[in-house]
Amino acid sequence: MKKSRTTTDPTTGALRGTPPPALEAVGLGRRYKRGWALRDCSFRLPAGRICALVGPNGAGKTTLLSLAADLLEPSTGTVRLGGHAARSAEARQHTAFLSQEKALYPRFRVSETLRMGRELNPTWHQETAERIIAAGDVPMDARVGTLSGGQRTRVAFALALGKRPRLLLLDEPMADLDPLVRRQMMDTLMAAAVQHGSTVVMSSHLVSELEGVCDFLVLIGNGTVRLAGDVDELISAHRTVSVPDAQAARLVNLPGQTTVETRSEAGRTTALIRPRGPLPADTDPTLPTLEDLLLAHLRTDDVPPLITATATARPVSHHEVKA
């Protein structure tokens, strides 16, 4: 009998012929003196996705992005980008990170900033960077320190996207922009991601902004992953049900279901649940919107986590831990 050949790449761990996950965390944790900011974080993000990273302030979102960007060392676990350790030269070369601070040299002219990007990045695409600058009417000879907040954000995006990263990590870099400029930058980001096939992880507090843009979701609460997976899969795993307030006990006692949240308004009690079987027709079961799903989970922190098969991280071998 012939021995079956291995179907995985020994370096990246991905199935042969398929791209490795853009980002994969296994048992990832970071501890500070005051306690754990992130603990036992495990999930995988397939390549080519636009991922919303959601959670309340202090949930661990910035810590997760900083670990992925190799700005922090993990206290426990591993994080790999495209099958490579986050600290590796391969991962750093193909990853771009943007935060609210937008680390730019204020005395550099815009043209000098782009030249720096070209000299530091072998995959630099000058046309992409210049197009982003031109779309905002930013003068190439202006010093960065004299630009408005929106113009500086555009320069920072030009640097990040001009690199043509395989993975773009965004820690709310557009938080200080007005809604119109924010929408313009979001359109620019999406167009560049599609053009270059980039995977994007986007931390945001504006839930309404994410619907229709992101196709993958990671929700963090109290330093742990509470939801992770394809947006459509996560929505399909939930139902919104509703009954008159006098029958509210029925929603609490639905057999075999996990109740995420129950709320009462205008004489009716509504619950978000994870059904494990048929639901009574008179409870009017419907699919929740992404916004309703997120808000319910953000308001509740004692629901069992849900990590879909698409987002489930695989065990890390001894070889990979050393890689």
Protein backbone atom coordinates (compact mmCIF):
# COMPACT_ATOMS: atom_id res chain seq x y z
CA MET A 1 0.00 0.00 0.00
CA LYS A 2 1.35 3.41 -0.94
CA LYS A 3 1.78 5.98 1.77
CA SER A 4 -0.36 9.05 1.20
CA ARG A 5 1.58 12.17 0.47
CA THR A 6 1.34 15.08 2.87
CA THR A 7 -1.17 17.70 1.78
CA THR A 8 0.21 20.58 3.85
CA ASP A 9 3.12 22.92 3.36
CA PRO A 10 5.64 22.27 6.19
CA THR A 11 6.55 25.97 6.35
CA THR A 12 3.15 27.67 6.36
CA GLY A 13 0.93 24.76 7.41
CA ALA A 14 -1.59 25.57 4.67
CA LEU A 15 -3.09 22.95 2.40
CA ARG A 16 -0.96 22.66 -0.71
CA GLY A 17 -2.38 24.76 -3.52
CA THR A 18 -4.29 27.07 -1.16
CA PRO A 19 -2.99 30.32 0.35
CA PRO A 20 -2.18 30.22 4.07
CA PRO A 21 -4.34 32.31 6.41
CA ALA A 22 -3.58 36.02 6.24
CA LEU A 23 -3.54 36.02 10.05
CA GLU A 24 -3.69 33.13 12.49
CA ALA A 25 -3.48 33.41 16.27
CA VAL A 26 -3.20 30.38 18.54
CA GLY A 27 -3.38 30.80 22.32
CA LEU A 28 -2.20 34.37 21.86
CA GLY A 29 -1.91 36.48 24.99
CA ARG A 30 -0.28 39.64 26.26
CA ARG A 31 0.08 40.47 29.94
CA TYR A 32 0.96 43.82 31.49
CA LYS A 33 1.61 44.63 35.14
CA ARG A 34 -2.07 45.50 35.62
CA GLY A 35 -3.21 42.18 34.16
CA TRP A 36 -4.05 40.48 30.88
CA ALA A 37 -4.92 42.73 27.93
CA LEU A 38 -5.40 39.71 25.66
CA ARG A 39 -5.66 36.07 26.70
CA ASP A 40 -5.98 32.72 24.94
CA CYS A 41 -6.88 34.37 21.63
CA SER A 42 -7.30 31.80 18.84
CA PHE A 43 -8.74 32.38 15.37
CA ARG A 44 -7.74 32.39 11.71
CA LEU A 45 -8.47 34.96 9.00
CA PRO A 46 -8.48 33.62 5.42
CA ALA A 47 -6.57 35.62 2.82
CA GLY A 48 -8.42 38.21 0.77
CA ARG A 49 -11.02 39.13 3.39
CA ILE A 50 -12.06 42.51 4.78
CA CYS A 51 -12.27 41.87 8.52
CA ALA A 52 -14.02 44.05 11.10
CA LEU A 53 -12.30 43.96 14.49
CA VAL A 54 -14.90 45.07 17.02
CA GLY A 55 -15.03 45.47 20.79
CA PRO A 56 -15.48 48.05 23.56
CA ASN A 57 -12.63 50.29 24.71
CA GLY A 58 -10.02 48.24 26.55
CA ALA A 59 -11.19 44.96 25.02
CA GLY A 60 -7.76 44.14 23.54
CA LYS A 61 -8.16 45.25 19.91
CA THR A 62 -5.08 47.51 19.85
CA THR A 63 -3.04 44.85 21.65
CA LEU A 64 -4.02 42.24 19.05
CA LEU A 65 -3.11 44.52 16.14
CA SER A 66 0.18 45.51 17.81
CA LEU A 67 1.10 41.84 18.28
CA ALA A 68 0.30 41.13 14.64
CA ALA A 69 2.38 44.14 13.55
CA ASP A 70 5.33 42.92 15.68
CA LEU A 71 5.19 46.05 17.85
CA LEU A 72 4.69 43.89 20.95
CA GLU A 73 5.93 40.44 21.94
CA PRO A 74 3.30 37.92 23.03
CA SER A 75 3.34 36.64 26.60
CA THR A 76 1.77 33.39 25.41
CA GLY A 77 0.91 31.74 22.12
CA THR A 78 1.77 32.56 18.53
CA VAL A 79 0.61 34.82 15.72
CA ARG A 80 1.45 34.11 12.08
CA LEU A 81 0.91 36.24 8.99
CA GLY A 82 0.66 34.45 5.67
CA GLY A 83 2.09 31.37 7.35
CA HIS A 84 5.13 33.22 8.74
CA ALA A 85 5.85 34.32 12.30
CA ALA A 86 4.88 37.96 12.83
CA ARG A 87 8.46 38.76 13.85
CA SER A 88 9.91 37.36 10.60
CA ALA A 89 11.28 39.56 7.82
CA GLU A 90 8.86 37.95 5.36
CA ALA A 91 5.83 38.94 7.46
CA ARG A 92 7.06 42.48 8.10
CA GLN A 93 7.80 43.08 4.42
CA HIS A 94 4.22 42.29 3.40
CA THR A 95 2.35 43.92 6.30
CA ALA A 96 1.35 47.56 6.81
CA PHE A 97 0.01 49.01 10.07
CA LEU A 98 -1.85 52.29 10.55
CA SER A 99 -2.99 53.67 13.90
CA GLN A 100 -4.64 56.87 15.08
CA GLU A 101 -1.19 58.38 15.72
CA LYS A 102 -0.12 58.12 12.04
CA ALA A 103 3.64 58.10 12.54
CA LEU A 104 4.88 60.61 9.95
CA TYR A 105 7.85 62.99 9.87
CA PRO A 106 6.33 66.51 10.17
CA ARG A 107 9.33 68.24 8.55
CA PHE A 108 9.30 66.00 5.49
CA ARG A 109 7.55 67.22 2.38
CA VAL A 110 4.88 64.94 0.99
CA SER A 111 7.12 64.09 -1.97
CA GLU A 112 9.97 63.21 0.42
CA THR A 113 7.63 60.99 2.43
CA LEU A 114 6.70 59.03 -0.68
CA ARG A 115 10.35 58.79 -1.71
CA MET A 116 11.12 57.30 1.71
CA GLY A 117 8.37 54.74 1.15
CA ARG A 118 9.84 53.86 -2.24
CA GLU A 119 13.35 53.43 -0.82
CA LEU A 120 12.24 51.28 2.12
CA ASN A 121 9.80 48.97 0.36
CA PRO A 122 10.81 46.61 -2.48
CA THR A 123 7.16 46.18 -3.50
CA TRP A 124 6.47 49.93 -3.65
CA HIS A 125 3.92 51.13 -6.22
CA GLN A 126 4.42 54.84 -6.84
CA GLU A 127 1.30 55.22 -8.99
CA THR A 128 -0.96 53.98 -6.17
CA ALA A 129 0.60 56.36 -3.64
CA GLU A 130 0.42 59.37 -5.97
CA ARG A 131 -3.18 58.62 -6.90
CA ILE A 132 -4.22 58.65 -3.23
CA ILE A 133 -2.42 61.96 -2.67
CA ALA A 134 -3.88 63.57 -5.80
CA ALA A 135 -7.44 62.51 -4.94
CA GLY A 136 -7.25 64.69 -1.83
CA ASP A 137 -5.62 67.68 -3.55
CA VAL A 138 -2.65 67.41 -1.20
CA PRO A 139 0.32 69.51 -2.46
CA MET A 140 3.37 67.31 -3.03
CA ASP A 141 5.69 70.12 -1.90
CA ALA A 142 3.83 70.78 1.39
CA ARG A 143 5.46 69.79 4.67
CA VAL A 144 3.52 67.10 6.50
CA GLY A 145 3.36 69.18 9.68
CA THR A 146 1.39 71.92 7.90
CA LEU A 147 -1.34 69.59 6.60
CA SER A 148 -4.83 69.20 8.01
CA GLY A 149 -5.78 66.03 9.88
CA GLY A 150 -7.55 64.64 6.84
CA GLN A 151 -4.59 65.38 4.57
CA ARG A 152 -2.15 63.71 6.99
CA THR A 153 -4.42 60.66 7.08
CA ARG A 154 -4.34 60.54 3.29
CA VAL A 155 -0.51 60.69 3.29
CA ALA A 156 -0.40 57.88 5.85
CA PHE A 157 -2.71 55.77 3.69
CA ALA A 158 -0.57 56.53 0.63
CA LEU A 159 2.47 55.18 2.49
CA ALA A 160 0.64 52.07 3.64
CA LEU A 161 -1.11 51.23 0.37
CA GLY A 162 1.86 52.22 -1.80
CA LYS A 163 3.65 49.32 -0.13
CA ARG A 164 1.04 46.99 -1.68
CA PRO A 165 0.77 44.98 1.53
CA ARG A 166 -0.69 41.51 1.61
CA LEU A 167 -2.10 42.39 5.04
CA LEU A 168 -3.22 45.87 6.11
CA LEU A 169 -3.85 46.42 9.83
CA LEU A 170 -5.93 49.50 10.70
CA ASP A 171 -6.31 50.66 14.31
CA GLU A 172 -8.93 53.38 13.77
CA PRO A 173 -6.72 55.69 11.67
CA MET A 174 -9.83 57.51 10.40
CA ALA A 175 -11.33 58.23 13.83
CA ASP A 176 -10.54 61.97 13.64
CA LEU A 177 -12.05 62.53 10.18
CA ASP A 178 -15.42 64.06 9.38
CA PRO A 179 -18.02 61.68 7.86
CA LEU A 180 -17.52 62.83 4.25
CA VAL A 181 -13.72 62.50 4.28
CA ARG A 182 -14.05 59.23 6.16
CA ARG A 183 -16.33 57.87 3.43
CA GLN A 184 -13.89 59.00 0.74
CA MET A 185 -10.97 57.30 2.50
CA MET A 186 -13.00 54.13 2.97
CA ASP A 187 -13.74 54.04 -0.76
CA THR A 188 -10.04 54.59 -1.51
CA LEU A 189 -9.09 51.79 0.87
CA MET A 190 -11.56 49.31 -0.60
CA ALA A 191 -10.49 50.09 -4.18
CA ALA A 192 -6.80 49.59 -3.34
CA ALA A 193 -7.51 46.37 -1.42
CA VAL A 194 -9.38 44.93 -4.41
CA GLN A 195 -6.69 46.07 -6.87
CA HIS A 196 -3.81 44.51 -4.94
CA GLY A 197 -5.66 41.57 -3.34
CA SER A 198 -4.88 42.79 0.16
CA THR A 199 -6.44 41.39 3.32
CA VAL A 200 -7.65 44.17 5.63
CA VAL A 201 -8.24 44.06 9.40
CA MET A 202 -10.14 47.17 10.42
CA SER A 203 -10.77 48.18 14.04
CA SER A 204 -13.75 50.51 14.33
CA HIS A 205 -16.33 51.75 16.84
CA LEU A 206 -18.74 52.77 14.06
CA VAL A 207 -20.79 49.62 13.64
CA SER A 208 -22.93 51.13 10.88
CA GLU A 209 -19.78 51.75 8.82
CA LEU A 210 -18.88 48.07 8.74
CA GLU A 211 -22.06 46.65 7.23
CA GLY A 212 -21.72 46.23 3.48
CA VAL A 213 -17.92 46.67 3.68
CA CYS A 214 -16.61 43.79 5.80
CA ASP A 215 -17.17 40.12 5.01
CA PHE A 216 -15.41 38.74 8.10
CA LEU A 217 -15.82 39.58 11.79
CA VAL A 218 -13.79 39.22 14.97
CA LEU A 219 -15.44 40.47 18.17
CA ILE A 220 -13.25 40.81 21.25
CA GLY A 221 -14.48 41.31 24.80
CA ASN A 222 -12.50 41.28 28.05
CA GLY A 223 -9.38 40.24 26.16
CA THR A 224 -10.85 37.11 24.55
CA VAL A 225 -12.39 36.29 21.16
CA ARG A 226 -16.17 36.02 21.52
CA LEU A 227 -17.20 35.88 17.85
CA ALA A 228 -15.13 35.06 14.79
CA GLY A 229 -16.07 34.02 11.31
CA ASP A 230 -17.61 34.86 7.98
CA VAL A 231 -20.25 37.57 8.49
CA ASP A 232 -22.94 35.59 6.67
CA GLU A 233 -22.17 32.47 8.73
CA LEU A 234 -22.38 34.37 12.01
CA ILE A 235 -25.65 36.04 11.06
CA SER A 236 -27.11 32.71 9.92
CA ALA A 237 -26.24 31.18 13.30
CA HIS A 238 -28.57 33.65 15.06
CA ARG A 239 -32.26 34.52 15.00
CA THR A 240 -34.28 37.40 16.37
CA VAL A 241 -37.54 36.26 17.98
CA SER A 242 -40.36 38.34 19.45
CA VAL A 243 -43.48 37.78 21.60
CA PRO A 244 -45.83 39.97 23.66
CA ASP A 245 -44.36 40.96 27.04
CA ALA A 246 -46.88 38.69 28.80
CA GLN A 247 -45.21 35.69 27.12
CA ALA A 248 -41.60 36.80 27.74
CA ALA A 249 -40.83 33.67 29.77
CA ARG A 250 -41.19 31.61 26.59
CA LEU A 251 -38.07 33.22 25.11
CA VAL A 252 -35.99 32.50 28.20
CA ASN A 253 -37.07 28.87 28.28
CA LEU A 254 -36.83 27.94 24.59
CA PRO A 255 -35.42 24.39 24.76
CA GLY A 256 -31.86 23.88 23.56
CA GLN A 257 -31.32 27.48 22.47
CA THR A 258 -28.61 29.92 23.59
CA THR A 259 -30.08 33.31 24.47
CA VAL A 260 -27.68 36.18 23.75
CA GLU A 261 -29.88 39.06 24.88
CA THR A 262 -33.49 39.83 25.77
CA ARG A 263 -35.01 43.32 25.53
CA SER A 264 -38.48 44.76 26.02
CA GLU A 265 -39.90 47.65 24.02
CA ALA A 266 -43.39 48.87 23.09
CA GLY A 267 -45.12 45.93 24.75
CA ARG A 268 -43.07 43.21 23.08
CA THR A 269 -40.08 41.23 24.26
CA THR A 270 -37.40 40.56 21.65
CA ALA A 271 -34.50 38.14 22.02
CA LEU A 272 -31.42 37.34 19.99
CA ILE A 273 -30.75 33.62 20.15
CA ARG A 274 -28.59 30.90 18.63
CA PRO A 275 -31.13 28.24 17.65
CA ARG A 276 -30.34 24.54 17.69
CA GLY A 277 -33.59 23.45 16.14
CA PRO A 278 -36.95 24.62 14.82
CA LEU A 279 -38.48 27.70 16.42
CA PRO A 280 -42.19 28.29 17.08
CA ALA A 281 -43.63 30.19 14.12
CA ASP A 282 -45.51 32.59 16.41
CA THR A 283 -42.17 33.94 17.72
CA ASP A 284 -41.63 35.55 14.31
CA PRO A 285 -38.03 34.30 13.84
CA THR A 286 -35.95 36.47 11.49
CA LEU A 287 -32.26 36.94 10.69
CA PRO A 288 -30.66 39.83 12.60
CA THR A 289 -28.79 42.63 10.89
CA LEU A 290 -25.04 42.78 11.46
CA GLU A 291 -25.54 45.90 13.59
CA ASP A 292 -28.17 44.20 15.78
CA LEU A 293 -25.92 41.15 16.16
CA LEU A 294 -22.91 43.21 17.21
CA LEU A 295 -24.79 45.49 19.59
CA ALA A 296 -26.40 42.54 21.36
CA HIS A 297 -23.05 40.83 21.90
CA LEU A 298 -21.40 44.09 22.96
CA ARG A 299 -24.09 44.59 25.62
CA THR A 300 -23.70 41.03 26.93
CA ASP A 301 -20.46 39.41 28.08
CA ASP A 302 -21.56 36.04 29.50
CA VAL A 303 -22.52 34.24 26.28
CA PRO A 304 -20.42 31.26 25.11
CA PRO A 305 -18.05 32.22 22.27
CA LEU A 306 -18.84 31.29 18.69
CA ILE A 307 -15.91 30.57 16.36
CA THR A 308 -17.08 29.25 12.99
CA ALA A 309 -15.22 26.53 11.09
CA THR A 310 -13.84 29.15 8.71
CA ALA A 311 -12.25 31.01 11.63
CA THR A 312 -11.05 28.06 13.71
CA ALA A 313 -7.27 28.08 14.19
CA ARG A 314 -5.38 24.83 13.78
CA PRO A 315 -2.87 23.52 16.34
CA VAL A 316 0.69 24.80 16.00
CA SER A 317 3.48 22.26 15.59
CA HIS A 318 6.77 22.42 17.47
CA HIS A 319 8.49 23.29 14.16
CA GLU A 320 6.22 26.31 13.68
CA VAL A 321 6.72 27.63 17.21
CA LYS A 322 10.45 27.85 16.49
CA ALA A 323 9.97 29.34 13.00
